Amino acid sequence: MGCISGLVKYLLFLFNFLVVLSGIALIAMGAIMVKNENKGLDSVTNFSVSAFAIAVGLIVFAIAFFGCWGAIRENGCMLKTYIIIIIVLLILQIALGVMAFAAIKNVNKAFDKKVREVVKNVFDDYVKDPTKEKKKVIDTIQQDFKCCGVDGHSYWTNPPDSCYKGKKEQGKLFKSGCATHFQKVITYNIKIIGYIALALVKLELACAILATVVKNRS
């Protein structure tokens, strides 16, 4: 029985370590989305999935450490508190997963139109007032996403250097528009967040069961 109890304890520790890694992944994906939002997509949605992902990731990270400590110490009180918190987290993460996939499902023509509108506003604002700071934003968008203009290079009378891979004279011109790239990036990031959140649900359910076994044996 002692061998089984020890095995369950270390399994709980291992599962919590995996939860810690998943929490870090959620924080990272949320941060990537925040970076994209800061490039001009912050007004695409009224609710920030990225901010919610970072918040859940931070909570998951902290609680998993708590679970690891409780598992090693076999502290009944800590494990009981951990089980309660895990159940709350399960509810939050199911909500995050559902929200993420619902957001993907709602990516329709209206959403595409909104993304294009936001991207166009960023580009048009630069054309009207071509300051150094705004040029840097446009150049960063076009180079990072390998795109040119709103719907393609025809947006520009004379495409800037950032519309090319390499030097303008010898480089390859990016032909696709930035609006399409932004829509793809948003959809991809939201989908990844949804998968991570749902994977965490399975991991934490296993942690809750293992923690209950360890608590009852402690």
N, C-alpha and C. Protein backbone atom coordinates (compact mmCIF):
# COMPACT_ATOMS: atom_id res chain seq x y z
N MET A 1 0.84 -1.21 0.00
CA MET A 1 0.00 0.00 0.00
C MET A 1 0.87 1.26 0.00
N GLY A 2 2.03 1.17 0.78
CA GLY A 2 2.93 2.33 0.84
C GLY A 2 3.50 2.65 -0.52
N CYS A 3 3.81 1.58 -1.29
CA CYS A 3 4.35 1.76 -2.65
C CYS A 3 3.34 2.45 -3.55
N ILE A 4 2.07 2.02 -3.46
CA ILE A 4 1.00 2.61 -4.27
C ILE A 4 0.79 4.07 -3.89
N SER A 5 0.81 4.35 -2.57
CA SER A 5 0.63 5.72 -2.08
C SER A 5 1.74 6.63 -2.60
N GLY A 6 2.98 6.11 -2.57
CA GLY A 6 4.12 6.88 -3.06
C GLY A 6 4.01 7.14 -4.56
N LEU A 7 3.55 6.12 -5.31
CA LEU A 7 3.38 6.26 -6.75
C LEU A 7 2.34 7.33 -7.09
N VAL A 8 1.22 7.29 -6.37
CA VAL A 8 0.15 8.28 -6.58
C VAL A 8 0.66 9.68 -6.29
N LYS A 9 1.45 9.81 -5.21
CA LYS A 9 1.99 11.11 -4.81
C LYS A 9 2.88 11.70 -5.91
N TYR A 10 3.76 10.86 -6.45
CA TYR A 10 4.68 11.35 -7.49
C TYR A 10 3.98 11.55 -8.83
N LEU A 11 2.93 10.77 -9.07
CA LEU A 11 2.12 11.02 -10.27
C LEU A 11 1.44 12.38 -10.17
N LEU A 12 0.95 12.70 -8.98
CA LEU A 12 0.31 14.00 -8.74
C LEU A 12 1.32 15.12 -8.98
N PHE A 13 2.55 14.91 -8.47
CA PHE A 13 3.61 15.91 -8.67
C PHE A 13 3.90 16.08 -10.16
N LEU A 14 4.01 14.95 -10.89
CA LEU A 14 4.30 15.00 -12.33
C LEU A 14 3.19 15.71 -13.09
N PHE A 15 1.94 15.38 -12.78
CA PHE A 15 0.81 16.00 -13.47
C PHE A 15 0.76 17.50 -13.21
N ASN A 16 1.09 17.88 -11.98
CA ASN A 16 1.11 19.31 -11.65
C ASN A 16 2.23 20.03 -12.40
N PHE A 17 3.34 19.32 -12.60
CA PHE A 17 4.43 19.92 -13.37
C PHE A 17 3.99 20.18 -14.80
N LEU A 18 3.22 19.24 -15.37
CA LEU A 18 2.68 19.41 -16.72
C LEU A 18 1.69 20.58 -16.76
N VAL A 19 0.92 20.73 -15.67
CA VAL A 19 -0.02 21.86 -15.58
C VAL A 19 0.75 23.18 -15.55
N VAL A 20 1.90 23.20 -14.84
CA VAL A 20 2.74 24.39 -14.79
C VAL A 20 3.19 24.77 -16.21
N LEU A 21 3.64 23.78 -16.97
CA LEU A 21 4.07 24.03 -18.34
C LEU A 21 2.92 24.54 -19.21
N SER A 22 1.73 23.98 -18.99
CA SER A 22 0.56 24.41 -19.75
C SER A 22 0.18 25.85 -19.39
N GLY A 23 0.33 26.19 -18.11
CA GLY A 23 0.06 27.56 -17.66
C GLY A 23 1.01 28.54 -18.34
N ILE A 24 2.29 28.15 -18.44
CA ILE A 24 3.28 28.99 -19.12
C ILE A 24 2.90 29.15 -20.60
N ALA A 25 2.42 28.05 -21.21
CA ALA A 25 2.00 28.10 -22.62
C ALA A 25 0.83 29.06 -22.81
N LEU A 26 -0.13 29.03 -21.88
CA LEU A 26 -1.28 29.95 -21.96
C LEU A 26 -0.82 31.40 -21.87
N ILE A 27 0.10 31.67 -20.93
CA ILE A 27 0.61 33.03 -20.75
C ILE A 27 1.33 33.49 -22.02
N ALA A 28 2.13 32.58 -22.60
CA ALA A 28 2.89 32.91 -23.81
C ALA A 28 1.96 33.22 -24.98
N MET A 29 0.93 32.37 -25.18
CA MET A 29 0.00 32.59 -26.29
C MET A 29 -0.80 33.88 -26.09
N GLY A 30 -1.19 34.14 -24.83
CA GLY A 30 -1.90 35.38 -24.52
C GLY A 30 -1.04 36.59 -24.82
N ALA A 31 0.26 36.49 -24.48
CA ALA A 31 1.19 37.59 -24.71
C ALA A 31 1.37 37.85 -26.21
N ILE A 32 1.43 36.76 -27.00
CA ILE A 32 1.56 36.90 -28.45
C ILE A 32 0.35 37.63 -29.02
N MET A 33 -0.85 37.28 -28.52
CA MET A 33 -2.07 37.94 -28.99
C MET A 33 -2.11 39.40 -28.58
N VAL A 34 -1.62 39.70 -27.37
CA VAL A 34 -1.58 41.09 -26.91
C VAL A 34 -0.67 41.90 -27.82
N LYS A 35 0.46 41.29 -28.21
CA LYS A 35 1.40 41.96 -29.11
C LYS A 35 0.73 42.29 -30.43
N ASN A 36 -0.05 41.33 -30.94
CA ASN A 36 -0.77 41.56 -32.20
C ASN A 36 -1.85 42.63 -32.04
N GLU A 37 -2.51 42.63 -30.87
CA GLU A 37 -3.53 43.64 -30.60
C GLU A 37 -2.91 45.02 -30.57
N ASN A 38 -1.70 45.12 -30.01
CA ASN A 38 -1.03 46.41 -29.92
C ASN A 38 -0.59 46.94 -31.28
N LYS A 39 -0.63 46.08 -32.29
CA LYS A 39 -0.29 46.53 -33.64
C LYS A 39 -1.50 47.08 -34.37
N GLY A 40 -2.62 47.18 -33.65
CA GLY A 40 -3.78 47.82 -34.27
C GLY A 40 -5.03 46.99 -34.26
N LEU A 41 -5.03 45.86 -33.53
CA LEU A 41 -6.21 45.00 -33.54
C LEU A 41 -6.96 45.03 -32.21
N ASP A 42 -6.65 45.99 -31.35
CA ASP A 42 -7.26 46.01 -30.03
C ASP A 42 -8.76 46.30 -30.08
N SER A 43 -9.26 46.85 -31.16
CA SER A 43 -10.69 47.18 -31.24
C SER A 43 -11.49 46.16 -32.05
N VAL A 44 -10.87 45.04 -32.43
CA VAL A 44 -11.57 44.04 -33.23
C VAL A 44 -12.66 43.35 -32.42
N THR A 45 -12.37 43.06 -31.15
CA THR A 45 -13.36 42.41 -30.30
C THR A 45 -13.57 43.23 -29.04
N ASN A 46 -14.76 43.14 -28.45
CA ASN A 46 -15.04 43.88 -27.22
C ASN A 46 -14.43 43.18 -26.02
N PHE A 47 -14.23 41.86 -26.11
CA PHE A 47 -13.66 41.11 -25.01
C PHE A 47 -12.31 40.56 -25.42
N SER A 48 -11.30 40.71 -24.58
CA SER A 48 -9.96 40.25 -24.91
C SER A 48 -9.75 38.82 -24.44
N VAL A 49 -9.76 37.88 -25.39
CA VAL A 49 -9.47 36.48 -25.08
C VAL A 49 -8.04 36.36 -24.57
N SER A 50 -7.15 37.19 -25.14
CA SER A 50 -5.74 37.13 -24.76
C SER A 50 -5.53 37.50 -23.29
N ALA A 51 -6.20 38.55 -22.83
CA ALA A 51 -6.07 38.97 -21.43
C ALA A 51 -6.61 37.90 -20.49
N PHE A 52 -7.72 37.28 -20.88
CA PHE A 52 -8.31 36.22 -20.06
C PHE A 52 -7.37 35.01 -20.02
N ALA A 53 -6.72 34.71 -21.16
CA ALA A 53 -5.79 33.59 -21.24
C ALA A 53 -4.59 33.82 -20.32
N ILE A 54 -4.06 35.05 -20.31
CA ILE A 54 -2.92 35.37 -19.44
C ILE A 54 -3.32 35.24 -17.97
N ALA A 55 -4.51 35.75 -17.64
CA ALA A 55 -4.99 35.68 -16.24
C ALA A 55 -5.14 34.23 -15.78
N VAL A 56 -5.79 33.41 -16.63
CA VAL A 56 -5.96 31.99 -16.28
C VAL A 56 -4.61 31.30 -16.20
N GLY A 57 -3.70 31.63 -17.13
CA GLY A 57 -2.37 31.03 -17.13
C GLY A 57 -1.60 31.33 -15.85
N LEU A 58 -1.68 32.58 -15.39
CA LEU A 58 -1.00 32.96 -14.14
C LEU A 58 -1.57 32.22 -12.94
N ILE A 59 -2.90 32.12 -12.91
CA ILE A 59 -3.56 31.40 -11.80
C ILE A 59 -3.18 29.92 -11.82
N VAL A 60 -3.22 29.31 -13.01
CA VAL A 60 -2.86 27.90 -13.17
C VAL A 60 -1.42 27.67 -12.71
N PHE A 61 -0.52 28.56 -13.14
CA PHE A 61 0.90 28.44 -12.78
C PHE A 61 1.08 28.45 -11.25
N ALA A 62 0.43 29.41 -10.59
CA ALA A 62 0.57 29.55 -9.14
C ALA A 62 -0.03 28.36 -8.38
N ILE A 63 -1.23 27.94 -8.80
CA ILE A 63 -1.93 26.86 -8.11
C ILE A 63 -1.22 25.53 -8.30
N ALA A 64 -0.63 25.31 -9.49
CA ALA A 64 0.08 24.06 -9.76
C ALA A 64 1.29 23.93 -8.84
N PHE A 65 1.98 25.05 -8.58
CA PHE A 65 3.09 25.02 -7.63
C PHE A 65 2.59 24.65 -6.23
N PHE A 66 1.43 25.20 -5.89
CA PHE A 66 0.80 24.90 -4.61
C PHE A 66 0.50 23.40 -4.52
N GLY A 67 0.00 22.82 -5.61
CA GLY A 67 -0.32 21.40 -5.66
C GLY A 67 0.91 20.54 -5.55
N CYS A 68 1.99 20.96 -6.22
CA CYS A 68 3.26 20.21 -6.14
C CYS A 68 3.76 20.15 -4.70
N TRP A 69 3.71 21.28 -4.02
CA TRP A 69 4.16 21.34 -2.63
C TRP A 69 3.29 20.49 -1.72
N GLY A 70 1.97 20.58 -1.93
CA GLY A 70 1.05 19.78 -1.12
C GLY A 70 1.24 18.29 -1.34
N ALA A 71 1.57 17.90 -2.58
CA ALA A 71 1.77 16.48 -2.90
C ALA A 71 3.01 15.93 -2.21
N ILE A 72 4.10 16.68 -2.26
CA ILE A 72 5.35 16.24 -1.66
C ILE A 72 5.24 16.19 -0.14
N ARG A 73 4.59 17.19 0.44
CA ARG A 73 4.45 17.26 1.91
C ARG A 73 3.34 16.36 2.42
N GLU A 74 2.44 15.94 1.53
CA GLU A 74 1.27 15.13 1.90
C GLU A 74 0.46 15.81 3.00
N ASN A 75 0.29 17.12 2.83
CA ASN A 75 -0.45 17.93 3.78
C ASN A 75 -1.93 17.90 3.42
N GLY A 76 -2.75 17.29 4.28
CA GLY A 76 -4.18 17.12 4.02
C GLY A 76 -4.92 18.42 3.81
N CYS A 77 -4.61 19.44 4.62
CA CYS A 77 -5.27 20.74 4.52
C CYS A 77 -4.95 21.42 3.20
N MET A 78 -3.66 21.38 2.83
CA MET A 78 -3.24 22.00 1.58
C MET A 78 -3.87 21.29 0.38
N LEU A 79 -3.93 19.97 0.46
CA LEU A 79 -4.50 19.19 -0.64
C LEU A 79 -6.01 19.45 -0.79
N LYS A 80 -6.69 19.60 0.35
CA LYS A 80 -8.13 19.89 0.31
C LYS A 80 -8.38 21.24 -0.36
N THR A 81 -7.57 22.23 0.05
CA THR A 81 -7.70 23.57 -0.55
C THR A 81 -7.38 23.51 -2.04
N TYR A 82 -6.36 22.73 -2.38
CA TYR A 82 -5.94 22.57 -3.77
C TYR A 82 -7.07 21.95 -4.61
N ILE A 83 -7.74 20.94 -4.08
CA ILE A 83 -8.83 20.27 -4.81
C ILE A 83 -9.96 21.26 -5.11
N ILE A 84 -10.30 22.08 -4.10
CA ILE A 84 -11.38 23.07 -4.28
C ILE A 84 -11.00 24.08 -5.37
N ILE A 85 -9.73 24.55 -5.31
CA ILE A 85 -9.27 25.53 -6.29
C ILE A 85 -9.24 24.92 -7.70
N ILE A 86 -8.82 23.66 -7.78
CA ILE A 86 -8.76 22.97 -9.07
C ILE A 86 -10.16 22.90 -9.71
N ILE A 87 -11.17 22.62 -8.90
CA ILE A 87 -12.54 22.55 -9.42
C ILE A 87 -12.97 23.89 -9.99
N VAL A 88 -12.61 24.99 -9.28
CA VAL A 88 -12.93 26.34 -9.77
C VAL A 88 -12.19 26.60 -11.08
N LEU A 89 -10.92 26.18 -11.12
CA LEU A 89 -10.12 26.37 -12.33
C LEU A 89 -10.70 25.60 -13.52
N LEU A 90 -11.19 24.40 -13.24
CA LEU A 90 -11.80 23.60 -14.30
C LEU A 90 -12.96 24.35 -14.95
N ILE A 91 -13.77 24.98 -14.12
CA ILE A 91 -14.91 25.75 -14.63
C ILE A 91 -14.43 26.92 -15.48
N LEU A 92 -13.39 27.63 -14.98
CA LEU A 92 -12.84 28.78 -15.72
C LEU A 92 -12.26 28.36 -17.06
N GLN A 93 -11.54 27.24 -17.06
CA GLN A 93 -10.88 26.80 -18.29
C GLN A 93 -11.85 26.23 -19.31
N ILE A 94 -12.90 25.58 -18.82
CA ILE A 94 -13.94 25.14 -19.75
C ILE A 94 -14.56 26.36 -20.41
N ALA A 95 -14.78 27.41 -19.60
CA ALA A 95 -15.34 28.66 -20.14
C ALA A 95 -14.40 29.27 -21.17
N LEU A 96 -13.07 29.26 -20.88
CA LEU A 96 -12.09 29.82 -21.80
C LEU A 96 -12.06 29.03 -23.11
N GLY A 97 -12.11 27.69 -23.00
CA GLY A 97 -12.10 26.86 -24.20
C GLY A 97 -13.33 27.10 -25.06
N VAL A 98 -14.49 27.16 -24.41
CA VAL A 98 -15.74 27.40 -25.13
C VAL A 98 -15.72 28.77 -25.80
N MET A 99 -15.23 29.78 -25.06
CA MET A 99 -15.15 31.14 -25.62
C MET A 99 -14.23 31.20 -26.83
N ALA A 100 -13.08 30.49 -26.73
CA ALA A 100 -12.11 30.51 -27.82
C ALA A 100 -12.70 29.89 -29.09
N PHE A 101 -13.34 28.73 -28.94
CA PHE A 101 -13.90 28.06 -30.11
C PHE A 101 -15.15 28.79 -30.63
N ALA A 102 -15.87 29.44 -29.71
CA ALA A 102 -17.03 30.24 -30.14
C ALA A 102 -16.55 31.44 -30.96
N ALA A 103 -15.40 32.00 -30.53
CA ALA A 103 -14.84 33.14 -31.27
C ALA A 103 -14.44 32.72 -32.68
N ILE A 104 -13.88 31.51 -32.80
CA ILE A 104 -13.49 31.01 -34.13
C ILE A 104 -14.73 30.80 -34.99
N LYS A 105 -15.77 30.23 -34.37
CA LYS A 105 -17.01 29.96 -35.11
C LYS A 105 -17.62 31.25 -35.63
N ASN A 106 -17.40 32.33 -34.88
CA ASN A 106 -17.99 33.61 -35.27
C ASN A 106 -17.14 34.40 -36.26
N VAL A 107 -15.99 33.77 -36.68
CA VAL A 107 -15.17 34.44 -37.68
C VAL A 107 -15.89 34.35 -39.03
N ASN A 108 -16.65 35.35 -39.34
CA ASN A 108 -17.43 35.36 -40.58
C ASN A 108 -17.12 36.63 -41.36
N LYS A 109 -17.96 36.93 -42.33
CA LYS A 109 -17.71 38.10 -43.17
C LYS A 109 -17.70 39.39 -42.36
N ALA A 110 -18.57 39.46 -41.35
CA ALA A 110 -18.62 40.67 -40.53
C ALA A 110 -17.31 40.86 -39.78
N PHE A 111 -16.75 39.75 -39.27
CA PHE A 111 -15.48 39.81 -38.55
C PHE A 111 -14.35 40.21 -39.50
N ASP A 112 -14.34 39.59 -40.69
CA ASP A 112 -13.31 39.91 -41.68
C ASP A 112 -13.38 41.40 -42.05
N LYS A 113 -14.59 41.90 -42.17
CA LYS A 113 -14.79 43.30 -42.52
C LYS A 113 -14.25 44.22 -41.42
N LYS A 114 -14.47 43.82 -40.16
CA LYS A 114 -13.98 44.61 -39.03
C LYS A 114 -12.46 44.62 -38.99
N VAL A 115 -11.84 43.46 -39.21
CA VAL A 115 -10.38 43.37 -39.22
C VAL A 115 -9.82 44.27 -40.32
N ARG A 116 -10.42 44.18 -41.52
CA ARG A 116 -9.95 45.00 -42.63
C ARG A 116 -10.09 46.49 -42.31
N GLU A 117 -11.19 46.83 -41.65
CA GLU A 117 -11.44 48.24 -41.29
C GLU A 117 -10.37 48.75 -40.34
N VAL A 118 -10.02 47.92 -39.35
CA VAL A 118 -9.00 48.32 -38.38
C VAL A 118 -7.64 48.49 -39.06
N VAL A 119 -7.27 47.48 -39.88
CA VAL A 119 -5.99 47.54 -40.59
C VAL A 119 -5.95 48.74 -41.53
N LYS A 120 -7.03 48.99 -42.25
CA LYS A 120 -7.10 50.12 -43.19
C LYS A 120 -6.94 51.45 -42.45
N ASN A 121 -7.54 51.56 -41.28
CA ASN A 121 -7.42 52.79 -40.48
C ASN A 121 -5.96 53.05 -40.11
N VAL A 122 -5.25 51.98 -39.75
CA VAL A 122 -3.83 52.12 -39.38
C VAL A 122 -3.02 52.60 -40.57
N PHE A 123 -3.24 51.98 -41.75
CA PHE A 123 -2.51 52.37 -42.95
C PHE A 123 -2.89 53.77 -43.43
N ASP A 124 -4.20 54.05 -43.45
CA ASP A 124 -4.67 55.37 -43.91
C ASP A 124 -4.16 56.49 -43.02
N ASP A 125 -4.06 56.21 -41.73
CA ASP A 125 -3.58 57.20 -40.78
C ASP A 125 -2.13 57.57 -41.09
N TYR A 126 -1.36 56.56 -41.49
CA TYR A 126 0.04 56.83 -41.86
C TYR A 126 0.12 57.65 -43.14
N VAL A 127 -0.73 57.31 -44.14
CA VAL A 127 -0.73 58.02 -45.42
C VAL A 127 -1.07 59.50 -45.22
N LYS A 128 -2.02 59.77 -44.32
CA LYS A 128 -2.44 61.15 -44.07
C LYS A 128 -1.40 61.92 -43.28
N ASP A 129 -0.70 61.21 -42.39
CA ASP A 129 0.29 61.87 -41.54
C ASP A 129 1.51 60.94 -41.39
N PRO A 130 2.38 60.92 -42.41
CA PRO A 130 3.50 59.97 -42.44
C PRO A 130 4.66 60.33 -41.49
N THR A 131 4.41 60.19 -40.20
CA THR A 131 5.47 60.46 -39.22
C THR A 131 6.41 59.26 -39.12
N LYS A 132 7.54 59.47 -38.50
CA LYS A 132 8.55 58.42 -38.35
C LYS A 132 8.02 57.27 -37.51
N GLU A 133 7.27 57.60 -36.45
CA GLU A 133 6.73 56.57 -35.56
C GLU A 133 5.71 55.70 -36.30
N LYS A 134 4.83 56.33 -37.09
CA LYS A 134 3.80 55.58 -37.82
C LYS A 134 4.43 54.72 -38.92
N LYS A 135 5.49 55.24 -39.53
CA LYS A 135 6.20 54.47 -40.56
C LYS A 135 6.79 53.20 -39.95
N LYS A 136 7.32 53.34 -38.74
CA LYS A 136 7.90 52.19 -38.05
C LYS A 136 6.85 51.11 -37.80
N VAL A 137 5.63 51.54 -37.43
CA VAL A 137 4.53 50.59 -37.19
C VAL A 137 4.18 49.86 -38.48
N ILE A 138 4.02 50.62 -39.57
CA ILE A 138 3.67 50.03 -40.87
C ILE A 138 4.76 49.06 -41.33
N ASP A 139 6.01 49.48 -41.22
CA ASP A 139 7.13 48.63 -41.64
C ASP A 139 7.19 47.34 -40.82
N THR A 140 6.93 47.46 -39.52
CA THR A 140 6.94 46.29 -38.65
C THR A 140 5.84 45.31 -39.03
N ILE A 141 4.63 45.83 -39.28
CA ILE A 141 3.51 44.98 -39.68
C ILE A 141 3.82 44.24 -40.98
N GLN A 142 4.30 44.97 -41.98
CA GLN A 142 4.53 44.38 -43.30
C GLN A 142 5.68 43.37 -43.29
N GLN A 143 6.70 43.65 -42.50
CA GLN A 143 7.83 42.73 -42.43
C GLN A 143 7.51 41.49 -41.58
N ASP A 144 6.86 41.71 -40.44
CA ASP A 144 6.53 40.59 -39.55
C ASP A 144 5.54 39.63 -40.18
N PHE A 145 4.54 40.17 -40.88
CA PHE A 145 3.50 39.33 -41.46
C PHE A 145 3.71 39.04 -42.95
N LYS A 146 4.82 39.57 -43.49
CA LYS A 146 5.16 39.34 -44.90
C LYS A 146 3.96 39.69 -45.81
N CYS A 147 3.46 40.90 -45.61
CA CYS A 147 2.30 41.37 -46.37
C CYS A 147 2.58 42.77 -46.89
N CYS A 148 1.68 43.27 -47.72
CA CYS A 148 1.88 44.60 -48.30
C CYS A 148 0.53 45.30 -48.47
N GLY A 149 0.40 46.47 -47.87
CA GLY A 149 -0.84 47.23 -47.97
C GLY A 149 -2.00 46.56 -47.25
N VAL A 150 -3.19 47.08 -47.45
CA VAL A 150 -4.38 46.55 -46.79
C VAL A 150 -4.84 45.25 -47.46
N ASP A 151 -5.06 45.32 -48.76
CA ASP A 151 -5.51 44.15 -49.52
C ASP A 151 -4.48 43.68 -50.54
N GLY A 152 -3.31 44.29 -50.53
CA GLY A 152 -2.27 43.92 -51.47
C GLY A 152 -1.40 45.12 -51.82
N HIS A 153 -0.36 44.89 -52.64
CA HIS A 153 0.60 45.96 -52.94
C HIS A 153 -0.02 47.11 -53.75
N SER A 154 -1.20 46.86 -54.36
CA SER A 154 -1.86 47.92 -55.14
C SER A 154 -2.32 49.08 -54.25
N TYR A 155 -2.33 48.87 -52.93
CA TYR A 155 -2.71 49.95 -52.01
C TYR A 155 -1.73 51.12 -52.15
N TRP A 156 -0.46 50.78 -52.40
CA TRP A 156 0.57 51.80 -52.50
C TRP A 156 0.79 52.22 -53.95
N THR A 157 1.02 53.51 -54.17
CA THR A 157 1.42 53.98 -55.50
C THR A 157 2.83 53.47 -55.79
N ASN A 158 3.65 53.57 -54.75
CA ASN A 158 5.01 53.05 -54.82
C ASN A 158 5.28 52.26 -53.53
N PRO A 159 5.18 50.92 -53.56
CA PRO A 159 5.33 50.12 -52.34
C PRO A 159 6.63 50.43 -51.60
N PRO A 160 6.57 50.63 -50.27
CA PRO A 160 7.77 50.92 -49.50
C PRO A 160 8.70 49.70 -49.40
N ASP A 161 9.90 49.93 -48.89
CA ASP A 161 10.89 48.86 -48.78
C ASP A 161 10.39 47.68 -47.96
N SER A 162 9.54 47.97 -46.96
CA SER A 162 9.06 46.90 -46.08
C SER A 162 8.10 45.95 -46.77
N CYS A 163 7.70 46.27 -48.00
CA CYS A 163 6.84 45.37 -48.79
C CYS A 163 7.66 44.30 -49.50
N TYR A 164 8.97 44.34 -49.31
CA TYR A 164 9.84 43.41 -50.01
C TYR A 164 10.62 42.53 -49.03
N LYS A 165 10.88 41.30 -49.49
CA LYS A 165 11.76 40.41 -48.75
C LYS A 165 13.17 40.67 -49.25
N GLY A 166 13.97 41.30 -48.41
CA GLY A 166 15.30 41.71 -48.85
C GLY A 166 15.28 43.13 -49.38
N LYS A 167 16.28 43.49 -50.13
CA LYS A 167 16.37 44.84 -50.68
C LYS A 167 15.31 45.05 -51.77
N LYS A 168 14.80 46.28 -51.85
CA LYS A 168 13.71 46.60 -52.76
C LYS A 168 14.07 46.29 -54.22
N GLU A 169 15.31 46.61 -54.60
CA GLU A 169 15.72 46.42 -56.00
C GLU A 169 15.79 44.95 -56.39
N GLN A 170 16.15 44.09 -55.42
CA GLN A 170 16.37 42.68 -55.73
C GLN A 170 15.39 41.75 -55.01
N GLY A 171 14.71 42.28 -54.02
CA GLY A 171 13.86 41.44 -53.18
C GLY A 171 12.53 41.05 -53.82
N LYS A 172 11.86 40.10 -53.16
CA LYS A 172 10.57 39.62 -53.63
C LYS A 172 9.45 40.44 -53.00
N LEU A 173 8.54 40.93 -53.82
CA LEU A 173 7.44 41.77 -53.34
C LEU A 173 6.36 40.90 -52.68
N PHE A 174 5.95 41.30 -51.47
CA PHE A 174 4.84 40.60 -50.80
C PHE A 174 3.54 41.02 -51.50
N LYS A 175 2.82 40.06 -52.03
CA LYS A 175 1.63 40.38 -52.81
C LYS A 175 0.33 40.34 -52.00
N SER A 176 0.30 39.56 -50.94
CA SER A 176 -0.95 39.45 -50.17
C SER A 176 -1.10 40.62 -49.21
N GLY A 177 -2.36 40.97 -48.90
CA GLY A 177 -2.66 42.09 -48.02
C GLY A 177 -2.53 41.75 -46.54
N CYS A 178 -2.31 42.77 -45.72
CA CYS A 178 -2.11 42.57 -44.28
C CYS A 178 -3.42 42.22 -43.56
N ALA A 179 -4.56 42.66 -44.10
CA ALA A 179 -5.85 42.37 -43.45
C ALA A 179 -6.08 40.87 -43.38
N THR A 180 -5.79 40.16 -44.46
CA THR A 180 -5.97 38.70 -44.50
C THR A 180 -5.05 38.01 -43.51
N HIS A 181 -3.80 38.49 -43.43
CA HIS A 181 -2.83 37.89 -42.52
C HIS A 181 -3.25 38.07 -41.07
N PHE A 182 -3.75 39.26 -40.72
CA PHE A 182 -4.20 39.51 -39.35
C PHE A 182 -5.34 38.56 -38.97
N GLN A 183 -6.28 38.38 -39.90
CA GLN A 183 -7.42 37.50 -39.62
C GLN A 183 -6.95 36.07 -39.36
N LYS A 184 -5.99 35.61 -40.14
CA LYS A 184 -5.45 34.25 -39.97
C LYS A 184 -4.72 34.09 -38.65
N VAL A 185 -3.94 35.11 -38.29
CA VAL A 185 -3.18 35.06 -37.04
C VAL A 185 -4.10 35.03 -35.83
N ILE A 186 -5.14 35.87 -35.86
CA ILE A 186 -6.10 35.90 -34.75
C ILE A 186 -6.78 34.55 -34.59
N THR A 187 -7.25 33.99 -35.71
CA THR A 187 -7.94 32.70 -35.67
C THR A 187 -7.04 31.60 -35.15
N TYR A 188 -5.79 31.58 -35.63
CA TYR A 188 -4.83 30.54 -35.22
C TYR A 188 -4.52 30.63 -33.73
N ASN A 189 -4.24 31.85 -33.25
CA ASN A 189 -3.90 32.04 -31.84
C ASN A 189 -5.05 31.66 -30.91
N ILE A 190 -6.27 32.05 -31.30
CA ILE A 190 -7.44 31.73 -30.49
C ILE A 190 -7.65 30.21 -30.44
N LYS A 191 -7.43 29.56 -31.57
CA LYS A 191 -7.59 28.10 -31.64
C LYS A 191 -6.60 27.41 -30.71
N ILE A 192 -5.33 27.86 -30.72
CA ILE A 192 -4.30 27.27 -29.86
C ILE A 192 -4.66 27.44 -28.39
N ILE A 193 -5.14 28.65 -28.03
CA ILE A 193 -5.56 28.91 -26.65
C ILE A 193 -6.68 27.96 -26.24
N GLY A 194 -7.62 27.75 -27.15
CA GLY A 194 -8.73 26.83 -26.87
C GLY A 194 -8.25 25.41 -26.62
N TYR A 195 -7.32 24.93 -27.44
CA TYR A 195 -6.79 23.57 -27.28
C TYR A 195 -6.02 23.43 -25.97
N ILE A 196 -5.21 24.44 -25.62
CA ILE A 196 -4.44 24.40 -24.37
C ILE A 196 -5.39 24.36 -23.18
N ALA A 197 -6.43 25.22 -23.22
CA ALA A 197 -7.39 25.28 -22.12
C ALA A 197 -8.10 23.95 -21.92
N LEU A 198 -8.52 23.32 -23.02
CA LEU A 198 -9.23 22.04 -22.90
C LEU A 198 -8.30 20.91 -22.48
N ALA A 199 -7.03 20.97 -22.90
CA ALA A 199 -6.05 19.97 -22.47
C ALA A 199 -5.81 20.11 -20.96
N LEU A 200 -5.80 21.34 -20.48
CA LEU A 200 -5.62 21.59 -19.05
C LEU A 200 -6.76 21.01 -18.23
N VAL A 201 -7.96 21.04 -18.79
CA VAL A 201 -9.13 20.49 -18.09
C VAL A 201 -8.89 19.01 -17.78
N LYS A 202 -8.39 18.27 -18.77
CA LYS A 202 -8.13 16.84 -18.57
C LYS A 202 -7.04 16.61 -17.54
N LEU A 203 -5.97 17.41 -17.64
CA LEU A 203 -4.85 17.27 -16.70
C LEU A 203 -5.30 17.58 -15.27
N GLU A 204 -6.04 18.65 -15.11
CA GLU A 204 -6.43 19.07 -13.77
C GLU A 204 -7.49 18.15 -13.17
N LEU A 205 -8.31 17.55 -14.01
CA LEU A 205 -9.27 16.56 -13.51
C LEU A 205 -8.51 15.37 -12.93
N ALA A 206 -7.46 14.95 -13.63
CA ALA A 206 -6.61 13.85 -13.13
C ALA A 206 -5.92 14.27 -11.83
N CYS A 207 -5.47 15.53 -11.77
CA CYS A 207 -4.81 16.05 -10.55
C CYS A 207 -5.78 16.04 -9.38
N ALA A 208 -7.02 16.45 -9.62
CA ALA A 208 -8.03 16.49 -8.55
C ALA A 208 -8.28 15.09 -7.99
N ILE A 209 -8.35 14.09 -8.89
CA ILE A 209 -8.58 12.70 -8.46
C ILE A 209 -7.39 12.19 -7.66
N LEU A 210 -6.18 12.42 -8.18
CA LEU A 210 -4.96 11.97 -7.49
C LEU A 210 -4.80 12.67 -6.15
N ALA A 211 -5.10 13.97 -6.10
CA ALA A 211 -4.98 14.73 -4.84
C ALA A 211 -5.96 14.19 -3.80
N THR A 212 -7.14 13.79 -4.23
CA THR A 212 -8.12 13.20 -3.31
C THR A 212 -7.61 11.89 -2.73
N VAL A 213 -6.97 11.07 -3.57
CA VAL A 213 -6.40 9.80 -3.10
C VAL A 213 -5.29 10.05 -2.09
N VAL A 214 -4.38 11.00 -2.41
CA VAL A 214 -3.26 11.31 -1.51
C VAL A 214 -3.79 11.88 -0.20
N LYS A 215 -4.80 12.76 -0.26
CA LYS A 215 -5.37 13.37 0.96
C LYS A 215 -5.98 12.30 1.85
N ASN A 216 -6.70 11.36 1.27
CA ASN A 216 -7.36 10.30 2.04
C ASN A 216 -6.36 9.35 2.68
N ARG A 217 -5.15 9.26 2.09
CA ARG A 217 -4.12 8.37 2.64
C ARG A 217 -3.21 9.09 3.62
N SER A 218 -3.27 10.44 3.62
CA SER A 218 -2.36 11.21 4.48
C SER A 218 -2.88 11.27 5.93
